C-alpha atoms as a PDB file:
ATOM      1  CA  UNK A   1      98.511  38.195  45.806  1.00  0.00           C
ATOM      2  CA  UNK A   2     100.053  41.669  45.752  1.00  0.00           C
ATOM      3  CA  UNK A   3      98.566  44.343  43.471  1.00  0.00           C
ATOM      4  CA  UNK A   4      99.683  47.757  42.255  1.00  0.00           C
ATOM      5  CA  UNK A   5      96.955  49.676  40.435  1.00  0.00           C
ATOM      6  CA  UNK A   6      95.141  46.300  40.212  1.00  0.00           C
ATOM      7  CA  UNK A   7      98.138  44.817  38.422  1.00  0.00           C
ATOM      8  CA  UNK A   8      99.446  41.651  39.999  1.00  0.00           C
ATOM      9  CA  UNK A   9     103.119  41.664  40.856  1.00  0.00           C
ATOM     10  CA  UNK A  10     105.065  38.835  39.191  1.00  0.00           C
ATOM     11  CA  UNK A  11     105.469  35.777  41.396  1.00  0.00           C
ATOM     12  CA  UNK A  12     109.262  35.967  41.198  1.00  0.00           C
ATOM     13  CA  UNK A  13     109.101  39.286  43.071  1.00  0.00           C
ATOM     14  CA  UNK A  14     107.128  37.758  45.943  1.00  0.00           C
ATOM     15  CA  UNK A  15     108.270  35.644  48.844  1.00  0.00           C
ATOM     16  CA  UNK A  16     105.717  32.912  49.446  1.00  0.00           C
ATOM     17  CA  UNK A  17     105.394  30.424  52.278  1.00  0.00           C
ATOM     18  CA  UNK A  18     103.364  28.150  50.039  1.00  0.00           C
ATOM     19  CA  UNK A  19     100.050  26.817  51.252  1.00  0.00           C
ATOM     20  CA  UNK A  20     100.740  25.114  54.561  1.00  0.00           C
ATOM     21  CA  UNK A  21      98.559  23.117  56.951  1.00  0.00           C
ATOM     22  CA  UNK A  22      97.766  24.419  60.424  1.00  0.00           C
ATOM     23  CA  UNK A  23      97.695  22.058  63.391  1.00  0.00           C
ATOM     24  CA  UNK A  24      93.880  22.211  63.499  1.00  0.00           C
ATOM     25  CA  UNK A  25      93.341  20.883  59.975  1.00  0.00           C
ATOM     26  CA  UNK A  26      93.047  24.307  58.288  1.00  0.00           C
ATOM     27  CA  UNK A  27      95.485  25.960  55.901  1.00  0.00           C
ATOM     28  CA  UNK A  28      97.440  29.195  55.629  1.00  0.00           C
ATOM     29  CA  UNK A  29      99.273  31.135  52.946  1.00  0.00           C
ATOM     30  CA  UNK A  30     101.651  34.038  53.454  1.00  0.00           C
ATOM     31  CA  UNK A  31     103.144  36.254  50.732  1.00  0.00           C
ATOM     32  CA  UNK A  32     105.350  39.300  51.125  1.00  0.00           C
ATOM     33  CA  UNK A  33     107.112  41.882  48.971  1.00  0.00           C
ATOM     34  CA  UNK A  34     109.613  44.670  49.624  1.00  0.00           C
ATOM     35  CA  UNK A  35     108.528  48.139  48.481  1.00  0.00           C
ATOM     36  CA  UNK A  36     109.502  51.772  48.931  1.00  0.00           C
ATOM     37  CA  UNK A  37     108.028  53.219  52.101  1.00  0.00           C
ATOM     38  CA  UNK A  38     106.330  56.078  50.269  1.00  0.00           C
ATOM     39  CA  UNK A  39     104.464  53.648  47.977  1.00  0.00           C
ATOM     40  CA  UNK A  40     102.554  51.761  50.662  1.00  0.00           C
ATOM     41  CA  UNK A  41      99.230  53.357  49.739  1.00  0.00           C
ATOM     42  CA  UNK A  42      99.565  52.116  46.155  1.00  0.00           C
ATOM     43  CA  UNK A  43      99.408  48.464  47.137  1.00  0.00           C
ATOM     44  CA  UNK A  44      96.663  46.186  48.328  1.00  0.00           C
ATOM     45  CA  UNK A  45      96.239  42.488  49.024  1.00  0.00           C
ATOM     46  CA  UNK A  46      93.742  40.486  46.968  1.00  0.00           C
ATOM     47  CA  UNK A  47      92.337  37.161  48.181  1.00  0.00           C
ATOM     48  CA  UNK A  48      89.737  35.006  46.455  1.00  0.00           C
ATOM     49  CA  UNK A  49      88.248  31.731  47.632  1.00  0.00           C
ATOM     50  CA  UNK A  50      85.263  29.595  46.684  1.00  0.00           C
ATOM     51  CA  UNK A  51      83.702  30.337  50.072  1.00  0.00           C
ATOM     52  CA  UNK A  52      83.602  34.088  49.461  1.00  0.00           C
ATOM     53  CA  UNK A  53      80.731  35.806  47.612  1.00  0.00           C
ATOM     54  CA  UNK A  54      83.380  38.129  46.176  1.00  0.00           C
ATOM     55  CA  UNK A  55      87.161  38.581  46.529  1.00  0.00           C
ATOM     56  CA  UNK A  56      88.605  40.465  49.490  1.00  0.00           C
ATOM     57  CA  UNK A  57      90.831  43.446  48.768  1.00  0.00           C
ATOM     58  CA  UNK A  58      92.600  45.052  51.751  1.00  0.00           C
ATOM     59  CA  UNK A  59      94.394  48.398  51.614  1.00  0.00           C
ATOM     60  CA  UNK A  60      96.906  49.619  54.181  1.00  0.00           C
ATOM     61  CA  UNK A  61      96.008  52.478  56.499  1.00  0.00           C
ATOM     62  CA  UNK A  62      98.184  55.550  56.781  1.00  0.00           C
ATOM     63  CA  UNK A  63      99.700  54.116  59.950  1.00  0.00           C
ATOM     64  CA  UNK A  64     102.828  52.237  58.902  1.00  0.00           C
ATOM     65  CA  UNK A  65     102.246  49.452  61.429  1.00  0.00           C
ATOM     66  CA  UNK A  66      98.700  48.174  61.191  1.00  0.00           C
ATOM     67  CA  UNK A  67      97.255  44.800  62.005  1.00  0.00           C
ATOM     68  CA  UNK A  68      93.792  44.240  60.578  1.00  0.00           C
ATOM     69  CA  UNK A  69      91.722  41.102  60.963  1.00  0.00           C
ATOM     70  CA  UNK A  70      88.390  40.068  59.471  1.00  0.00           C
ATOM     71  CA  UNK A  71      86.322  37.225  60.899  1.00  0.00           C
ATOM     72  CA  UNK A  72      83.590  36.423  58.411  1.00  0.00           C
ATOM     73  CA  UNK A  73      80.792  34.138  59.602  1.00  0.00           C
ATOM     74  CA  UNK A  74      78.591  32.133  57.256  1.00  0.00           C
ATOM     75  CA  UNK A  75      75.415  30.144  57.977  1.00  0.00           C
ATOM     76  CA  UNK A  76      75.844  27.349  60.477  1.00  0.00           C
ATOM     77  CA  UNK A  77      79.335  26.695  61.784  1.00  0.00           C
ATOM     78  CA  UNK A  78      81.138  27.608  58.575  1.00  0.00           C
ATOM     79  CA  UNK A  79      83.836  30.174  59.099  1.00  0.00           C
ATOM     80  CA  UNK A  80      86.449  32.023  57.102  1.00  0.00           C
ATOM     81  CA  UNK A  81      89.248  34.004  58.719  1.00  0.00           C
ATOM     82  CA  UNK A  82      91.315  36.606  56.940  1.00  0.00           C
ATOM     83  CA  UNK A  83      94.285  38.364  58.526  1.00  0.00           C
ATOM     84  CA  UNK A  84      96.484  41.032  57.019  1.00  0.00           C
ATOM     85  CA  UNK A  85      99.606  42.404  58.699  1.00  0.00           C
ATOM     86  CA  UNK A  86     101.100  45.526  57.213  1.00  0.00           C
ATOM     87  CA  UNK A  87     104.512  46.833  58.239  1.00  0.00           C
ATOM     88  CA  UNK A  88     106.977  49.381  56.961  1.00  0.00           C
ATOM     89  CA  UNK A  89     108.834  48.190  53.856  1.00  0.00           C
ATOM     90  CA  UNK A  90     106.913  44.909  53.866  1.00  0.00           C
ATOM     91  CA  UNK A  91     103.403  43.819  53.073  1.00  0.00           C
ATOM     92  CA  UNK A  92     102.447  40.347  54.354  1.00  0.00           C
ATOM     93  CA  UNK A  93      99.232  38.451  53.804  1.00  0.00           C
ATOM     94  CA  UNK A  94      98.173  35.426  55.783  1.00  0.00           C
ATOM     95  CA  UNK A  95      94.910  33.711  55.023  1.00  0.00           C
ATOM     96  CA  UNK A  96      93.312  30.748  56.674  1.00  0.00           C
ATOM     97  CA  UNK A  97      90.282  28.777  55.563  1.00  0.00           C
ATOM     98  CA  UNK A  98      88.520  25.809  57.068  1.00  0.00           C
ATOM     99  CA  UNK A  99      87.339  23.013  54.832  1.00  0.00           C
ATOM    100  CA  UNK A 100      87.622  19.307  54.293  1.00  0.00           C
ATOM    101  CA  UNK A 101      89.200  18.095  51.081  1.00  0.00           C
ATOM    102  CA  UNK A 102      86.442  15.769  49.927  1.00  0.00           C
ATOM    103  CA  UNK A 103      83.320  17.854  50.534  1.00  0.00           C
ATOM    104  CA  UNK A 104      84.899  21.308  50.242  1.00  0.00           C
ATOM    105  CA  UNK A 105      82.488  22.400  52.977  1.00  0.00           C
ATOM    106  CA  UNK A 106      83.885  25.069  55.269  1.00  0.00           C
ATOM    107  CA  UNK A 107      84.296  23.062  58.423  1.00  0.00           C
ATOM    108  CA  UNK A 108      87.139  21.182  60.021  1.00  0.00           C
ATOM    109  CA  UNK A 109      87.697  17.945  61.862  1.00  0.00           C
ATOM    110  CA  UNK A 110      89.728  17.556  65.030  1.00  0.00           C
ATOM    111  CA  UNK A 111      91.225  14.196  64.088  1.00  0.00           C
ATOM    112  CA  UNK A 112      92.025  12.227  60.952  1.00  0.00           C
ATOM    113  CA  UNK A 113      89.781   9.493  62.308  1.00  0.00           C
ATOM    114  CA  UNK A 114      86.845  11.892  62.216  1.00  0.00           C
ATOM    115  CA  UNK A 115      87.819  13.043  58.715  1.00  0.00           C
ATOM    116  CA  UNK A 116      87.809   9.467  57.425  1.00  0.00           C
ATOM    117  CA  UNK A 117      84.538   8.650  59.181  1.00  0.00           C
ATOM    118  CA  UNK A 118      82.693  11.615  57.661  1.00  0.00           C
ATOM    119  CA  UNK A 119      84.008  11.011  54.168  1.00  0.00           C
ATOM    120  CA  UNK A 120      83.315   7.266  54.249  1.00  0.00           C
ATOM    121  CA  UNK A 121      79.713   8.171  55.034  1.00  0.00           C
ATOM    122  CA  UNK A 122      79.655  10.588  52.082  1.00  0.00           C
ATOM    123  CA  UNK A 123      80.961   7.931  49.719  1.00  0.00           C
ATOM    124  CA  UNK A 124      78.530   5.337  51.063  1.00  0.00           C
ATOM    125  CA  UNK A 125      75.630   7.679  50.295  1.00  0.00           C
ATOM    126  CA  UNK A 126      76.980   8.378  46.833  1.00  0.00           C
ATOM    127  CA  UNK A 127      77.409   4.664  46.120  1.00  0.00           C
ATOM    128  CA  UNK A 128      74.031   3.800  47.691  1.00  0.00           C
ATOM    129  CA  UNK A 129      75.795   1.442  50.075  1.00  0.00           C
ATOM    130  CA  UNK A 130      74.288   0.271  53.337  1.00  0.00           C
ATOM    131  CA  UNK A 131      75.936   1.228  56.610  1.00  0.00           C
ATOM    132  CA  UNK A 132      75.423  -2.319  57.839  1.00  0.00           C
ATOM    133  CA  UNK A 133      78.320  -3.489  55.666  1.00  0.00           C
ATOM    134  CA  UNK A 134      82.024  -2.803  56.126  1.00  0.00           C
ATOM    135  CA  UNK A 135      83.454  -0.110  53.829  1.00  0.00           C
ATOM    136  CA  UNK A 136      87.032   1.124  53.598  1.00  0.00           C
ATOM    137  CA  UNK A 137      88.473   4.481  52.518  1.00  0.00           C
ATOM    138  CA  UNK A 138      92.231   4.550  51.904  1.00  0.00           C
ATOM    139  CA  UNK A 139      94.402   7.613  51.323  1.00  0.00           C
ATOM    140  CA  UNK A 140      97.961   7.291  50.049  1.00  0.00           C
ATOM    141  CA  UNK A 141     100.277  10.194  49.384  1.00  0.00           C
ATOM    142  CA  UNK A 142     104.002  10.530  48.900  1.00  0.00           C
ATOM    143  CA  UNK A 143     106.734  11.497  46.481  1.00  0.00           C
ATOM    144  CA  UNK A 144     109.581   9.953  44.509  1.00  0.00           C
ATOM    145  CA  UNK A 145     112.938  11.674  44.088  1.00  0.00           C
ATOM    146  CA  UNK A 146     116.297  11.057  42.474  1.00  0.00           C
ATOM    147  CA  UNK A 147     119.475  11.788  44.438  1.00  0.00           C
ATOM    148  CA  UNK A 148     122.660  12.889  42.684  1.00  0.00           C
ATOM    149  CA  UNK A 149     126.248  12.313  43.764  1.00  0.00           C
ATOM    150  CA  UNK A 150     126.591  15.908  44.988  1.00  0.00           C
ATOM    151  CA  UNK A 151     123.724  15.400  47.445  1.00  0.00           C
ATOM    152  CA  UNK A 152     121.082  17.361  45.522  1.00  0.00           C
ATOM    153  CA  UNK A 153     117.725  15.775  44.784  1.00  0.00           C
ATOM    154  CA  UNK A 154     115.276  16.012  41.894  1.00  0.00           C
ATOM    155  CA  UNK A 155     111.527  15.583  42.185  1.00  0.00           C
ATOM    156  CA  UNK A 156     110.281  12.790  39.913  1.00  0.00           C
ATOM    157  CA  UNK A 157     106.615  12.275  40.731  1.00  0.00           C
ATOM    158  CA  UNK A 158     104.020  12.776  43.425  1.00  0.00           C
ATOM    159  CA  UNK A 159     101.328  10.419  44.670  1.00  0.00           C
ATOM    160  CA  UNK A 160      97.979  11.443  46.138  1.00  0.00           C
ATOM    161  CA  UNK A 161      95.418   8.675  45.729  1.00  0.00           C
ATOM    162  CA  UNK A 162      92.102   7.737  47.290  1.00  0.00           C
ATOM    163  CA  UNK A 163      90.646   4.226  47.166  1.00  0.00           C
ATOM    164  CA  UNK A 164      87.190   3.116  48.227  1.00  0.00           C
ATOM    165  CA  UNK A 165      86.559  -0.522  49.093  1.00  0.00           C
ATOM    166  CA  UNK A 166      89.840  -1.515  47.460  1.00  0.00           C
ATOM    167  CA  UNK A 167      89.181   0.191  44.100  1.00  0.00           C
ATOM    168  CA  UNK A 168      90.757   3.378  42.752  1.00  0.00           C
ATOM    169  CA  UNK A 169      88.456   6.323  43.377  1.00  0.00           C
ATOM    170  CA  UNK A 170      90.472   9.457  42.709  1.00  0.00           C
ATOM    171  CA  UNK A 171      94.092  10.445  42.087  1.00  0.00           C
ATOM    172  CA  UNK A 172      96.011  13.671  41.552  1.00  0.00           C
ATOM    173  CA  UNK A 173      97.776  14.341  38.243  1.00  0.00           C
ATOM    174  CA  UNK A 174     100.716  16.357  39.502  1.00  0.00           C
ATOM    175  CA  UNK A 175     101.938  17.339  36.018  1.00  0.00           C
ATOM    176  CA  UNK A 176      98.652  18.970  35.003  1.00  0.00           C
ATOM    177  CA  UNK A 177      97.450  19.900  38.508  1.00  0.00           C
ATOM    178  CA  UNK A 178      94.081  18.190  38.084  1.00  0.00           C
ATOM    179  CA  UNK A 179      92.278  15.258  39.669  1.00  0.00           C
ATOM    180  CA  UNK A 180      91.629  12.066  37.718  1.00  0.00           C
ATOM    181  CA  UNK A 181      88.369  10.179  38.257  1.00  0.00           C
ATOM    182  CA  UNK A 182      88.589   6.555  37.056  1.00  0.00           C
ATOM    183  CA  UNK A 183      84.959   5.866  38.017  1.00  0.00           C
ATOM    184  CA  UNK A 184      81.792   7.846  37.365  1.00  0.00           C
ATOM    185  CA  UNK A 185      81.006   8.121  41.074  1.00  0.00           C
ATOM    186  CA  UNK A 186      84.167  10.211  41.515  1.00  0.00           C
ATOM    187  CA  UNK A 187      83.251  12.781  38.843  1.00  0.00           C
ATOM    188  CA  UNK A 188      81.396  14.999  41.318  1.00  0.00           C
ATOM    189  CA  UNK A 189      84.377  15.095  43.663  1.00  0.00           C
ATOM    190  CA  UNK A 190      86.749  15.759  40.764  1.00  0.00           C
ATOM    191  CA  UNK A 191      84.666  18.758  39.640  1.00  0.00           C
ATOM    192  CA  UNK A 192      84.577  20.147  43.168  1.00  0.00           C
ATOM    193  CA  UNK A 193      88.289  19.744  43.777  1.00  0.00           C
ATOM    194  CA  UNK A 194      89.333  21.047  40.366  1.00  0.00           C
ATOM    195  CA  UNK A 195      87.035  24.009  40.951  1.00  0.00           C
ATOM    196  CA  UNK A 196      89.120  25.108  43.938  1.00  0.00           C
ATOM    197  CA  UNK A 197      92.454  26.152  42.474  1.00  0.00           C
ATOM    198  CA  UNK A 198      93.980  26.750  45.891  1.00  0.00           C
ATOM    199  CA  UNK A 199      93.421  23.095  46.845  1.00  0.00           C
ATOM    200  CA  UNK A 200      95.205  21.834  43.746  1.00  0.00           C
ATOM    201  CA  UNK A 201      97.985  24.382  44.262  1.00  0.00           C
ATOM    202  CA  UNK A 202      98.442  23.168  47.814  1.00  0.00           C
ATOM    203  CA  UNK A 203      98.438  19.507  46.760  1.00  0.00           C
ATOM    204  CA  UNK A 204     101.046  20.131  44.071  1.00  0.00           C
ATOM    205  CA  UNK A 205     103.127  22.290  46.405  1.00  0.00           C
ATOM    206  CA  UNK A 206     103.007  19.681  49.148  1.00  0.00           C
ATOM    207  CA  UNK A 207     104.085  16.859  46.844  1.00  0.00           C
ATOM    208  CA  UNK A 208     106.858  18.819  45.134  1.00  0.00           C
ATOM    209  CA  UNK A 209     108.198  20.731  48.138  1.00  0.00           C
ATOM    210  CA  UNK A 210     107.115  19.614  51.611  1.00  0.00           C
ATOM    211  CA  UNK A 211     107.037  15.911  50.785  1.00  0.00           C
ATOM    212  CA  UNK A 212     110.494  16.159  49.204  1.00  0.00           C
ATOM    213  CA  UNK A 213     111.788  18.014  52.271  1.00  0.00           C
ATOM    214  CA  UNK A 214     110.445  15.304  54.590  1.00  0.00           C
ATOM    215  CA  UNK A 215     111.783  12.501  52.400  1.00  0.00           C
ATOM    216  CA  UNK A 216     115.206  14.165  52.282  1.00  0.00           C
ATOM    217  CA  UNK A 217     115.229  14.409  56.072  1.00  0.00           C
ATOM    218  CA  UNK A 218     114.283  10.758  56.474  1.00  0.00           C
ATOM    219  CA  UNK A 219     116.982   9.756  53.994  1.00  0.00           C
ATOM    220  CA  UNK A 220     119.527  11.696  56.032  1.00  0.00           C
ATOM    221  CA  UNK A 221     118.318  10.029  59.217  1.00  0.00           C
ATOM    222  CA  UNK A 222     118.769   6.682  57.496  1.00  0.00           C
ATOM    223  CA  UNK A 223     122.293   7.566  56.408  1.00  0.00           C
ATOM    224  CA  UNK A 224     123.108   8.688  59.936  1.00  0.00           C
ATOM    225  CA  UNK A 225     121.843   5.360  61.225  1.00  0.00           C
ATOM    226  CA  UNK A 226     124.031   3.520  58.743  1.00  0.00           C
ATOM    227  CA  UNK A 227     127.017   5.575  59.865  1.00  0.00           C
ATOM    228  CA  UNK A 228     126.342   4.480  63.445  1.00  0.00           C
ATOM    229  CA  UNK A 229     126.191   0.768  62.644  1.00  0.00           C
ATOM    230  CA  UNK A 230     128.123  -1.376  65.086  1.00  0.00           C
ATOM    231  CA  UNK A 231     128.647  -5.156  64.788  1.00  0.00           C
ATOM    232  CA  UNK A 232     127.975  -7.499  67.710  1.00  0.00           C
ATOM    233  CA  UNK A 233     130.718  -8.910  69.923  1.00  0.00           C
ATOM    234  CA  UNK A 234     130.057 -12.525  70.883  1.00  0.00           C
ATOM    235  CA  UNK A 235     130.711 -14.081  74.307  1.00  0.00           C
ATOM    236  CA  UNK A 236     129.910 -17.686  75.242  1.00  0.00           C
ATOM    237  CA  UNK A 237     130.008 -19.860  78.335  1.00  0.00           C
ATOM    238  CA  UNK A 238     129.096 -23.396  79.395  1.00  0.00           C
ATOM    239  CA  UNK A 239     128.539 -24.137  83.080  1.00  0.00           C
ATOM    240  CA  UNK A 240     127.228 -26.961  85.180  1.00  0.00           C
ATOM    241  CA  UNK A 241     123.629 -26.458  86.178  1.00  0.00           C
ATOM    242  CA  UNK A 242     123.229 -25.509  89.845  1.00  0.00           C
ATOM    243  CA  UNK A 243     120.050 -27.555  90.090  1.00  0.00           C
ATOM    244  CA  UNK A 244     121.179 -30.668  88.248  1.00  0.00           C
ATOM    245  CA  UNK A 245     124.959 -31.172  87.951  1.00  0.00           C
ATOM    246  CA  UNK A 246     124.351 -33.674  85.176  1.00  0.00           C
ATOM    247  CA  UNK A 247     123.160 -30.830  82.957  1.00  0.00           C
ATOM    248  CA  UNK A 248     124.996 -27.938  81.320  1.00  0.00           C
ATOM    249  CA  UNK A 249     123.781 -24.378  80.831  1.00  0.00           C
ATOM    250  CA  UNK A 250     124.995 -22.925  77.534  1.00  0.00           C
ATOM    251  CA  UNK A 251     124.904 -19.138  77.309  1.00  0.00           C
ATOM    252  CA  UNK A 252     125.449 -16.939  74.261  1.00  0.00           C
ATOM    253  CA  UNK A 253     125.784 -13.156  74.668  1.00  0.00           C
ATOM    254  CA  UNK A 254     125.873 -10.715  71.739  1.00  0.00           C
ATOM    255  CA  UNK A 255     126.542  -7.121  72.769  1.00  0.00           C
ATOM    256  CA  UNK A 256     127.573  -3.754  71.368  1.00  0.00           C
ATOM    257  CA  UNK A 257     125.471  -4.022  68.205  1.00  0.00           C
ATOM    258  CA  UNK A 258     123.457  -1.306  66.450  1.00  0.00           C
ATOM    259  CA  UNK A 259     120.837  -1.094  65.039  1.00  0.00           C
ATOM    260  CA  UNK A 260     118.617  -3.041  67.357  1.00  0.00           C
ATOM    261  CA  UNK A 261     117.434  -5.946  65.194  1.00  0.00           C
ATOM    262  CA  UNK A 262     119.483  -9.114  65.492  1.00  0.00           C
ATOM    263  CA  UNK A 263     118.982 -12.849  64.940  1.00  0.00           C
ATOM    264  CA  UNK A 264     120.362 -15.286  67.514  1.00  0.00           C
ATOM    265  CA  UNK A 265     119.767 -18.975  67.995  1.00  0.00           C
ATOM    266  CA  UNK A 266     121.468 -21.918  69.690  1.00  0.00           C
ATOM    267  CA  UNK A 267     121.952 -24.852  67.367  1.00  0.00           C
ATOM    268  CA  UNK A 268     122.771 -28.536  67.765  1.00  0.00           C
ATOM    269  CA  UNK A 269     124.644 -30.750  65.315  1.00  0.00           C
ATOM    270  CA  UNK A 270     124.016 -30.220  61.619  1.00  0.00           C
ATOM    271  CA  UNK A 271     122.732 -26.665  62.199  1.00  0.00           C
ATOM    272  CA  UNK A 272     119.392 -27.590  63.758  1.00  0.00           C
ATOM    273  CA  UNK A 273     118.109 -24.653  65.839  1.00  0.00           C
ATOM    274  CA  UNK A 274     116.732 -25.430  69.279  1.00  0.00           C
ATOM    275  CA  UNK A 275     113.059 -24.403  69.619  1.00  0.00           C
ATOM    276  CA  UNK A 276     112.586 -20.980  71.212  1.00  0.00           C
ATOM    277  CA  UNK A 277     110.524 -22.441  74.058  1.00  0.00           C
ATOM    278  CA  UNK A 278     113.614 -24.386  75.162  1.00  0.00           C
ATOM    279  CA  UNK A 279     115.685 -21.191  75.361  1.00  0.00           C
ATOM    280  CA  UNK A 280     115.850 -18.572  78.092  1.00  0.00           C
ATOM    281  CA  UNK A 281     116.144 -15.111  76.528  1.00  0.00           C
ATOM    282  CA  UNK A 282     116.923 -11.749  78.120  1.00  0.00           C
ATOM    283  CA  UNK A 283     115.261  -9.977  75.226  1.00  0.00           C
ATOM    284  CA  UNK A 284     117.100  -7.215  73.386  1.00  0.00           C
ATOM    285  CA  UNK A 285     118.266  -4.669  75.979  1.00  0.00           C
ATOM    286  CA  UNK A 286     120.007  -1.297  75.663  1.00  0.00           C
ATOM    287  CA  UNK A 287     123.594  -0.692  76.741  1.00  0.00           C
ATOM    288  CA  UNK A 288     124.661   2.615  78.263  1.00  0.00           C
ATOM    289  CA  UNK A 289     126.456   3.646  75.040  1.00  0.00           C
ATOM    290  CA  UNK A 290     123.377   3.440  72.807  1.00  0.00           C
ATOM    291  CA  UNK A 291     124.100  -0.065  71.520  1.00  0.00           C
ATOM    292  CA  UNK A 292     122.183  -3.224  72.392  1.00  0.00           C
ATOM    293  CA  UNK A 293     122.728  -6.688  73.815  1.00  0.00           C
ATOM    294  CA  UNK A 294     120.946 -10.035  73.702  1.00  0.00           C
ATOM    295  CA  UNK A 295     121.578 -13.099  75.863  1.00  0.00           C
ATOM    296  CA  UNK A 296     120.150 -16.573  75.292  1.00  0.00           C
ATOM    297  CA  UNK A 297     120.708 -19.752  77.314  1.00  0.00           C
ATOM    298  CA  UNK A 298     119.787 -23.403  77.006  1.00  0.00           C
ATOM    299  CA  UNK A 299     120.058 -26.337  79.384  1.00  0.00           C
ATOM    300  CA  UNK A 300     121.333 -29.533  77.813  1.00  0.00           C
ATOM    301  CA  UNK A 301     121.882 -33.029  79.124  1.00  0.00           C
ATOM    302  CA  UNK A 302     125.413 -34.266  79.718  1.00  0.00           C
ATOM    303  CA  UNK A 303     126.095 -33.936  76.028  1.00  0.00           C
ATOM    304  CA  UNK A 304     129.387 -32.641  74.761  1.00  0.00           C
ATOM    305  CA  UNK A 305     129.010 -28.832  74.459  1.00  0.00           C
ATOM    306  CA  UNK A 306     131.134 -29.054  71.336  1.00  0.00           C
ATOM    307  CA  UNK A 307     128.048 -30.459  69.637  1.00  0.00           C
ATOM    308  CA  UNK A 308     126.398 -27.007  69.954  1.00  0.00           C
ATOM    309  CA  UNK A 309     127.048 -23.623  68.419  1.00  0.00           C
ATOM    310  CA  UNK A 310     125.694 -20.083  68.651  1.00  0.00           C
ATOM    311  CA  UNK A 311     124.380 -18.489  65.442  1.00  0.00           C
ATOM    312  CA  UNK A 312     124.220 -14.664  65.215  1.00  0.00           C
ATOM    313  CA  UNK A 313     123.264 -12.534  62.217  1.00  0.00           C
ATOM    314  CA  UNK A 314     123.142  -8.730  62.014  1.00  0.00           C
ATOM    315  CA  UNK A 315     122.974  -6.110  59.253  1.00  0.00           C
ATOM    316  CA  UNK A 316     126.577  -5.079  59.955  1.00  0.00           C
ATOM    317  CA  UNK A 317     127.896  -8.575  59.234  1.00  0.00           C
ATOM    318  CA  UNK A 318     128.852  -9.744  55.767  1.00  0.00           C
ATOM    319  CA  UNK A 319     127.865 -13.252  56.834  1.00  0.00           C
ATOM    320  CA  UNK A 320     126.483 -14.794  60.048  1.00  0.00           C
ATOM    321  CA  UNK A 321     128.836 -15.544  62.942  1.00  0.00           C
ATOM    322  CA  UNK A 322     128.756 -19.216  63.979  1.00  0.00           C
ATOM    323  CA  UNK A 323     130.857 -20.179  67.015  1.00  0.00           C
ATOM    324  CA  UNK A 324     131.072 -23.610  68.655  1.00  0.00           C
ATOM    325  CA  UNK A 325     131.070 -23.950  72.431  1.00  0.00           C
ATOM    326  CA  UNK A 326     133.849 -26.456  72.970  1.00  0.00           C
ATOM    327  CA  UNK A 327     134.696 -26.718  76.692  1.00  0.00           C
ATOM    328  CA  UNK A 328     133.909 -23.094  77.655  1.00  0.00           C
ATOM    329  CA  UNK A 329     134.269 -22.732  81.429  1.00  0.00           C
ATOM    330  CA  UNK A 330     132.350 -25.921  82.070  1.00  0.00           C
ATOM    331  CA  UNK A 331     134.988 -27.779  84.103  1.00  0.00           C
ATOM    332  CA  UNK A 332     134.231 -30.896  82.101  1.00  0.00           C
END
């Protein structure tokens, strides 16, 4: 937050990164503003957090290029790091704190697995549950958007929900920026989380901005995949078995298709698929052009190959391709 004579500058004058996660499970926030060079001494940066006994206010030195860092240690392993970078024409604040969402204790966890483990234990204690039983903590978060014909998107709603042992425990009300506790056991967590405005700001910002950005990217990837769709080309053969000339080997090859998923089966009269254990399959393999191929074969007795067909279905096809063998290269 930028101040001039202890008056906060309006948010529309500031450039904000929004509260973002670091790769170690902590968070950061950066804000900047353009000012006249001669006015640098009139500005300071104000930061408040529930972990601080009182807000931090940093003022720029006379030197126009100053980097100042504070490393504040608290009892135990709790830690709070504050960094301010001051440059000519620009004042930037970056602040990082370490805490876990559920307990709001200033510490961090190296993996999500550890985060879940610690918080399951907290909930078990709160519910007076024994650690000899199986308990489950679920976390679901995401966003819903509407896409217009011109390619722009509109945020509709965000989802950040926690469930314990299959029941709703806590959820975020994105419209009012508060947590909703459907059960009494969640009231303590709700009070803690609502008491840390920066956590709720981050949650709302993530759902409305970062989640939408990710969803938009994934939608574009999906559209790109659709644009690359390629239907399969089908090739078939029927040859005398080298081991037993009385038998025929029927082979069906589908190639050049994208995406990867495809359905192929060899069928006998009346559309009855041969069991997979009677088929020899190459498995889906890549071609050198980024498409895929699949080959399946079946040995049959001296039956007429015309009694068999190859069935192939793929997302690029309006309907499945069904082709009979006839006398393909069998010398019958």
